[in-house]
Amino acid sequence: MTERAFVFGVDLDGVVADFYAGLRPVAAEWLGVEVESLPKRVSWGLGEWGVDQAPGGYEALHKFAVMQRELFLKLPPMAGAPQTLRRLSKAGVRIRIITHRLFIKYFHQIAVSQTIQWLDHHDVPYWDLCFMQQKTAVGADLYIEDSPANVERLRSEGARTIVFSNSTNEQLPGPRAGSWGEVLDLALAEKHNWEQRAAALP
């Protein structure tokens, strides 16, 4: 019987895809303001951009961004993310993309289609693509996340989780990575430790 591979549960927005950089010009257009007026450093919920004060709030902006501006197709990748994921895949890591992009009703087909096209366009390797909020349900051996709530939830359930650093999660303790070079080192070290533990089992 073949031993299973080490599974790396990878969040998409804010980790592999540069969500805030991609959303910022769209938000400026939607709000009718100059893009320079929207700070690059934000907290969770984008209160600094005044999105919550606009009609429909964040949900309306999100729909506009995905439906009218194809946000999930056009997001830039984080520097080094596709290349690092390819290296991890070659090293025997099973990449499991886990994203909560289906949190708004009635446009799931477009969100899923754009996501798959984006992953293929940037040659991001993955064995599994999971659209879900409860990320521990997919059973990864290591996770990487930027959402403070998701990190705290994963860790509370005993999941080993790397924080991908940005201005929304500075209060969270490590382990954390500020670049995909650091992700590579942390993930390979965790894979090695996982293999050592597995080899020690009777």
C-alpha atoms as a PDB file:
ATOM      1  CA  MET A   1       0.000   0.000   0.000  1.00  0.00           C
ATOM      2  CA  THR A   2       1.395   3.390  -1.029  1.00  0.00           C
ATOM      3  CA  GLU A   3       1.941   5.847   1.801  1.00  0.00           C
ATOM      4  CA  ARG A   4      -0.019   9.039   1.445  1.00  0.00           C
ATOM      5  CA  ALA A   5       1.665  12.339   0.657  1.00  0.00           C
ATOM      6  CA  PHE A   6       2.126  15.273   3.002  1.00  0.00           C
ATOM      7  CA  VAL A   7      -0.847  17.607   2.419  1.00  0.00           C
ATOM      8  CA  PHE A   8      -0.372  21.390   2.380  1.00  0.00           C
ATOM      9  CA  GLY A   9      -3.666  23.317   2.699  1.00  0.00           C
ATOM     10  CA  VAL A  10      -3.162  26.608   0.880  1.00  0.00           C
ATOM     11  CA  ASP A  11      -5.458  29.624   1.122  1.00  0.00           C
ATOM     12  CA  LEU A  12      -5.807  31.582  -2.113  1.00  0.00           C
ATOM     13  CA  ASP A  13      -6.747  35.245  -1.578  1.00  0.00           C
ATOM     14  CA  GLY A  14      -4.059  37.168   0.271  1.00  0.00           C
ATOM     15  CA  VAL A  15      -1.690  34.203   0.157  1.00  0.00           C
ATOM     16  CA  VAL A  16      -1.252  32.989  -3.435  1.00  0.00           C
ATOM     17  CA  ALA A  17      -3.245  35.768  -5.136  1.00  0.00           C
ATOM     18  CA  ASP A  18      -2.503  39.392  -4.188  1.00  0.00           C
ATOM     19  CA  PHE A  19      -6.109  40.141  -3.310  1.00  0.00           C
ATOM     20  CA  TYR A  20      -5.754  43.627  -1.858  1.00  0.00           C
ATOM     21  CA  ALA A  21      -3.538  44.891  -4.685  1.00  0.00           C
ATOM     22  CA  GLY A  22      -6.035  43.578  -7.235  1.00  0.00           C
ATOM     23  CA  LEU A  23      -9.124  44.847  -5.438  1.00  0.00           C
ATOM     24  CA  ARG A  24      -7.783  48.345  -4.668  1.00  0.00           C
ATOM     25  CA  PRO A  25      -8.224  49.895  -8.169  1.00  0.00           C
ATOM     26  CA  VAL A  26     -11.610  48.208  -8.542  1.00  0.00           C
ATOM     27  CA  ALA A  27     -12.708  49.569  -5.167  1.00  0.00           C
ATOM     28  CA  ALA A  28     -11.555  53.059  -6.171  1.00  0.00           C
ATOM     29  CA  GLU A  29     -13.635  52.863  -9.338  1.00  0.00           C
ATOM     30  CA  TRP A  30     -16.666  51.537  -7.473  1.00  0.00           C
ATOM     31  CA  LEU A  31     -16.391  54.170  -4.746  1.00  0.00           C
ATOM     32  CA  GLY A  32     -15.685  56.984  -7.229  1.00  0.00           C
ATOM     33  CA  VAL A  33     -12.392  58.049  -5.623  1.00  0.00           C
ATOM     34  CA  GLU A  34      -8.751  58.278  -6.661  1.00  0.00           C
ATOM     35  CA  VAL A  35      -6.916  55.018  -6.110  1.00  0.00           C
ATOM     36  CA  GLU A  36      -4.171  56.903  -4.240  1.00  0.00           C
ATOM     37  CA  SER A  37      -6.753  57.861  -1.602  1.00  0.00           C
ATOM     38  CA  LEU A  38      -7.130  54.203  -0.578  1.00  0.00           C
ATOM     39  CA  PRO A  39      -4.310  53.165   1.771  1.00  0.00           C
ATOM     40  CA  LYS A  40      -2.397  50.000   0.942  1.00  0.00           C
ATOM     41  CA  ARG A  41      -2.258  48.994   4.597  1.00  0.00           C
ATOM     42  CA  VAL A  42      -5.710  47.805   5.635  1.00  0.00           C
ATOM     43  CA  SER A  43      -7.393  45.926   8.441  1.00  0.00           C
ATOM     44  CA  TRP A  44      -9.786  43.021   8.002  1.00  0.00           C
ATOM     45  CA  GLY A  45     -13.030  44.356   6.502  1.00  0.00           C
ATOM     46  CA  LEU A  46     -11.394  47.264   4.648  1.00  0.00           C
ATOM     47  CA  GLY A  47     -12.707  49.939   6.995  1.00  0.00           C
ATOM     48  CA  GLU A  48      -9.861  52.208   5.848  1.00  0.00           C
ATOM     49  CA  TRP A  49     -11.409  52.336   2.380  1.00  0.00           C
ATOM     50  CA  GLY A  50     -14.869  53.301   3.625  1.00  0.00           C
ATOM     51  CA  VAL A  51     -16.436  50.276   1.947  1.00  0.00           C
ATOM     52  CA  ASP A  52     -18.809  49.694   4.846  1.00  0.00           C
ATOM     53  CA  GLN A  53     -20.254  53.201   4.364  1.00  0.00           C
ATOM     54  CA  ALA A  54     -21.108  52.655   0.691  1.00  0.00           C
ATOM     55  CA  PRO A  55     -24.495  51.264  -0.454  1.00  0.00           C
ATOM     56  CA  GLY A  56     -24.449  47.485  -0.185  1.00  0.00           C
ATOM     57  CA  GLY A  57     -21.144  47.467   1.682  1.00  0.00           C
ATOM     58  CA  TYR A  58     -18.452  44.918   0.989  1.00  0.00           C
ATOM     59  CA  GLU A  59     -20.807  42.346  -0.537  1.00  0.00           C
ATOM     60  CA  ALA A  60     -21.851  44.793  -3.272  1.00  0.00           C
ATOM     61  CA  LEU A  61     -18.221  45.679  -3.993  1.00  0.00           C
ATOM     62  CA  HIS A  62     -17.272  42.009  -4.141  1.00  0.00           C
ATOM     63  CA  LYS A  63     -20.056  41.217  -6.612  1.00  0.00           C
ATOM     64  CA  PHE A  64     -19.051  44.152  -8.822  1.00  0.00           C
ATOM     65  CA  ALA A  65     -15.393  43.163  -8.717  1.00  0.00           C
ATOM     66  CA  VAL A  66     -16.001  39.537  -9.690  1.00  0.00           C
ATOM     67  CA  MET A  67     -18.980  39.919 -12.029  1.00  0.00           C
ATOM     68  CA  GLN A  68     -18.138  43.171 -13.835  1.00  0.00           C
ATOM     69  CA  ARG A  69     -14.348  43.333 -13.533  1.00  0.00           C
ATOM     70  CA  GLU A  70     -13.415  39.618 -13.466  1.00  0.00           C
ATOM     71  CA  LEU A  71     -11.395  40.056 -10.300  1.00  0.00           C
ATOM     72  CA  PHE A  72     -10.587  36.385  -9.820  1.00  0.00           C
ATOM     73  CA  LEU A  73      -9.152  36.224 -13.355  1.00  0.00           C
ATOM     74  CA  LYS A  74      -7.040  39.351 -13.058  1.00  0.00           C
ATOM     75  CA  LEU A  75      -5.528  39.236  -9.577  1.00  0.00           C
ATOM     76  CA  PRO A  76      -1.728  39.356  -9.656  1.00  0.00           C
ATOM     77  CA  PRO A  77      -0.008  36.407  -7.986  1.00  0.00           C
ATOM     78  CA  MET A  78       2.026  36.996  -4.865  1.00  0.00           C
ATOM     79  CA  ALA A  79       5.716  37.263  -5.710  1.00  0.00           C
ATOM     80  CA  GLY A  80       7.178  33.777  -5.915  1.00  0.00           C
ATOM     81  CA  ALA A  81       3.963  31.937  -5.080  1.00  0.00           C
ATOM     82  CA  PRO A  82       3.462  29.895  -8.280  1.00  0.00           C
ATOM     83  CA  GLN A  83       7.171  29.055  -8.482  1.00  0.00           C
ATOM     84  CA  THR A  84       7.343  27.960  -4.844  1.00  0.00           C
ATOM     85  CA  LEU A  85       4.228  25.822  -5.130  1.00  0.00           C
ATOM     86  CA  ARG A  86       5.743  24.129  -8.167  1.00  0.00           C
ATOM     87  CA  ARG A  87       8.898  23.392  -6.162  1.00  0.00           C
ATOM     88  CA  LEU A  88       6.865  22.003  -3.271  1.00  0.00           C
ATOM     89  CA  SER A  89       4.835  19.842  -5.621  1.00  0.00           C
ATOM     90  CA  LYS A  90       8.011  18.473  -7.189  1.00  0.00           C
ATOM     91  CA  ALA A  91       9.265  17.699  -3.667  1.00  0.00           C
ATOM     92  CA  GLY A  92       6.260  15.443  -3.104  1.00  0.00           C
ATOM     93  CA  VAL A  93       3.938  17.845  -1.295  1.00  0.00           C
ATOM     94  CA  ARG A  94       0.258  17.439  -2.154  1.00  0.00           C
ATOM     95  CA  ILE A  95      -1.083  20.964  -2.733  1.00  0.00           C
ATOM     96  CA  ARG A  96      -4.672  21.381  -1.603  1.00  0.00           C
ATOM     97  CA  ILE A  97      -6.113  24.816  -2.465  1.00  0.00           C
ATOM     98  CA  ILE A  98      -8.792  25.802   0.064  1.00  0.00           C
ATOM     99  CA  THR A  99     -10.755  28.992  -0.488  1.00  0.00           C
ATOM    100  CA  HIS A 100     -13.992  30.525   0.762  1.00  0.00           C
ATOM    101  CA  ARG A 101     -14.823  32.308  -2.501  1.00  0.00           C
ATOM    102  CA  LEU A 102     -18.407  31.034  -2.565  1.00  0.00           C
ATOM    103  CA  PHE A 103     -19.657  33.068   0.394  1.00  0.00           C
ATOM    104  CA  ILE A 104     -22.046  35.145  -1.774  1.00  0.00           C
ATOM    105  CA  LYS A 105     -25.049  33.435  -3.357  1.00  0.00           C
ATOM    106  CA  TYR A 106     -25.894  33.083  -7.044  1.00  0.00           C
ATOM    107  CA  PHE A 107     -22.539  33.571  -8.749  1.00  0.00           C
ATOM    108  CA  HIS A 108     -20.755  30.373  -7.826  1.00  0.00           C
ATOM    109  CA  GLN A 109     -20.255  29.207 -11.422  1.00  0.00           C
ATOM    110  CA  ILE A 110     -18.427  32.408 -12.372  1.00  0.00           C
ATOM    111  CA  ALA A 111     -16.298  32.390  -9.213  1.00  0.00           C
ATOM    112  CA  VAL A 112     -15.275  28.750  -9.708  1.00  0.00           C
ATOM    113  CA  SER A 113     -14.593  29.212 -13.432  1.00  0.00           C
ATOM    114  CA  GLN A 114     -12.430  32.297 -12.891  1.00  0.00           C
ATOM    115  CA  THR A 115     -10.542  30.553 -10.098  1.00  0.00           C
ATOM    116  CA  ILE A 116      -9.663  27.498 -12.197  1.00  0.00           C
ATOM    117  CA  GLN A 117      -8.649  29.635 -15.166  1.00  0.00           C
ATOM    118  CA  TRP A 118      -6.417  31.776 -12.938  1.00  0.00           C
ATOM    119  CA  LEU A 119      -4.705  28.761 -11.391  1.00  0.00           C
ATOM    120  CA  ASP A 120      -4.070  27.238 -14.814  1.00  0.00           C
ATOM    121  CA  HIS A 121      -2.905  30.546 -16.323  1.00  0.00           C
ATOM    122  CA  HIS A 122      -0.281  30.976 -13.604  1.00  0.00           C
ATOM    123  CA  ASP A 123       0.640  27.258 -13.641  1.00  0.00           C
ATOM    124  CA  VAL A 124      -0.198  26.779  -9.980  1.00  0.00           C
ATOM    125  CA  PRO A 125      -0.075  23.040  -9.232  1.00  0.00           C
ATOM    126  CA  TYR A 126      -2.750  21.460  -7.080  1.00  0.00           C
ATOM    127  CA  TRP A 127      -4.298  18.063  -6.531  1.00  0.00           C
ATOM    128  CA  ASP A 128      -7.411  19.289  -4.795  1.00  0.00           C
ATOM    129  CA  LEU A 129      -9.473  22.480  -5.044  1.00  0.00           C
ATOM    130  CA  CYS A 130     -11.864  22.989  -2.136  1.00  0.00           C
ATOM    131  CA  PHE A 131     -14.400  25.819  -1.884  1.00  0.00           C
ATOM    132  CA  MET A 132     -15.336  25.859   1.778  1.00  0.00           C
ATOM    133  CA  GLN A 133     -15.213  27.863   4.981  1.00  0.00           C
ATOM    134  CA  GLN A 134     -14.487  25.070   7.489  1.00  0.00           C
ATOM    135  CA  LYS A 135     -10.946  24.404   6.368  1.00  0.00           C
ATOM    136  CA  THR A 136     -10.025  21.780   8.948  1.00  0.00           C
ATOM    137  CA  ALA A 137     -12.641  19.532   7.323  1.00  0.00           C
ATOM    138  CA  VAL A 138     -10.260  18.887   4.423  1.00  0.00           C
ATOM    139  CA  GLY A 139      -7.646  17.293   6.686  1.00  0.00           C
ATOM    140  CA  ALA A 140      -4.384  18.968   5.635  1.00  0.00           C
ATOM    141  CA  ASP A 141      -1.172  18.350   7.573  1.00  0.00           C
ATOM    142  CA  LEU A 142      -0.149  22.013   7.366  1.00  0.00           C
ATOM    143  CA  TYR A 143      -2.110  25.137   6.455  1.00  0.00           C
ATOM    144  CA  ILE A 144      -1.177  28.633   5.344  1.00  0.00           C
ATOM    145  CA  GLU A 145      -3.673  31.442   5.926  1.00  0.00           C
ATOM    146  CA  ASP A 146      -3.853  35.234   6.160  1.00  0.00           C
ATOM    147  CA  SER A 147      -7.335  35.670   7.662  1.00  0.00           C
ATOM    148  CA  PRO A 148      -7.036  36.242  11.432  1.00  0.00           C
ATOM    149  CA  ALA A 149     -10.333  34.452  12.103  1.00  0.00           C
ATOM    150  CA  ASN A 150      -9.346  31.442  10.002  1.00  0.00           C
ATOM    151  CA  VAL A 151      -5.908  31.187  11.598  1.00  0.00           C
ATOM    152  CA  GLU A 152      -7.404  31.280  15.077  1.00  0.00           C
ATOM    153  CA  ARG A 153     -10.059  28.721  14.152  1.00  0.00           C
ATOM    154  CA  LEU A 154      -7.557  26.349  12.572  1.00  0.00           C
ATOM    155  CA  ARG A 155      -5.190  26.565  15.518  1.00  0.00           C
ATOM    156  CA  SER A 156      -8.007  26.118  18.031  1.00  0.00           C
ATOM    157  CA  GLU A 157      -8.786  22.821  16.316  1.00  0.00           C
ATOM    158  CA  GLY A 158      -5.166  21.686  16.519  1.00  0.00           C
ATOM    159  CA  ALA A 159      -4.190  22.393  12.904  1.00  0.00           C
ATOM    160  CA  ARG A 160      -0.593  23.413  12.277  1.00  0.00           C
ATOM    161  CA  THR A 161      -0.908  26.806  10.571  1.00  0.00           C
ATOM    162  CA  ILE A 162       1.503  29.330   9.062  1.00  0.00           C
ATOM    163  CA  VAL A 163       0.364  32.958   9.058  1.00  0.00           C
ATOM    164  CA  PHE A 164       1.071  34.672   5.744  1.00  0.00           C
ATOM    165  CA  SER A 165       1.928  38.144   6.979  1.00  0.00           C
ATOM    166  CA  ASN A 166       0.028  41.262   5.986  1.00  0.00           C
ATOM    167  CA  SER A 167      -1.416  44.297   7.743  1.00  0.00           C
ATOM    168  CA  THR A 168      -4.606  42.462   8.733  1.00  0.00           C
ATOM    169  CA  ASN A 169      -2.909  39.829  10.906  1.00  0.00           C
ATOM    170  CA  GLU A 170       0.066  41.510  12.596  1.00  0.00           C
ATOM    171  CA  GLN A 171      -1.303  40.659  16.053  1.00  0.00           C
ATOM    172  CA  LEU A 172      -1.133  36.899  15.486  1.00  0.00           C
ATOM    173  CA  PRO A 173       1.772  34.835  16.852  1.00  0.00           C
ATOM    174  CA  GLY A 174       3.990  32.757  14.572  1.00  0.00           C
ATOM    175  CA  PRO A 175       4.928  30.673  12.836  1.00  0.00           C
ATOM    176  CA  ARG A 176       4.550  33.219  10.062  1.00  0.00           C
ATOM    177  CA  ALA A 177       6.008  33.925   6.644  1.00  0.00           C
ATOM    178  CA  GLY A 178       6.476  37.289   4.988  1.00  0.00           C
ATOM    179  CA  SER A 179       7.509  35.863   1.633  1.00  0.00           C
ATOM    180  CA  TRP A 180       7.142  32.689  -0.375  1.00  0.00           C
ATOM    181  CA  GLY A 181      10.815  31.963   0.166  1.00  0.00           C
ATOM    182  CA  GLU A 182      10.026  31.691   3.864  1.00  0.00           C
ATOM    183  CA  VAL A 183       6.965  29.565   3.069  1.00  0.00           C
ATOM    184  CA  LEU A 184       9.191  27.125   1.186  1.00  0.00           C
ATOM    185  CA  ASP A 185      11.544  26.695   4.136  1.00  0.00           C
ATOM    186  CA  LEU A 186       8.741  26.318   6.684  1.00  0.00           C
ATOM    187  CA  ALA A 187       6.735  23.869   4.580  1.00  0.00           C
ATOM    188  CA  LEU A 188       9.735  21.648   3.780  1.00  0.00           C
ATOM    189  CA  ALA A 189      10.776  21.614   7.438  1.00  0.00           C
ATOM    190  CA  GLU A 190       7.252  20.654   8.481  1.00  0.00           C
ATOM    191  CA  LYS A 191       7.150  17.926   5.815  1.00  0.00           C
ATOM    192  CA  HIS A 192      10.434  16.534   7.139  1.00  0.00           C
ATOM    193  CA  ASN A 193       9.114  16.508  10.717  1.00  0.00           C
ATOM    194  CA  TRP A 194       5.882  14.858   9.562  1.00  0.00           C
ATOM    195  CA  GLU A 195       7.857  12.142   7.768  1.00  0.00           C
ATOM    196  CA  GLN A 196       9.991  11.562  10.860  1.00  0.00           C
ATOM    197  CA  ARG A 197       6.888  11.161  13.008  1.00  0.00           C
ATOM    198  CA  ALA A 198       5.313   8.821  10.475  1.00  0.00           C
ATOM    199  CA  ALA A 199       8.469   6.686  10.298  1.00  0.00           C
ATOM    200  CA  ALA A 200       8.467   6.323  14.083  1.00  0.00           C
ATOM    201  CA  LEU A 201       4.957   4.843  14.147  1.00  0.00           C
ATOM    202  CA  PRO A 202       4.752   1.063  14.680  1.00  0.00           C
END
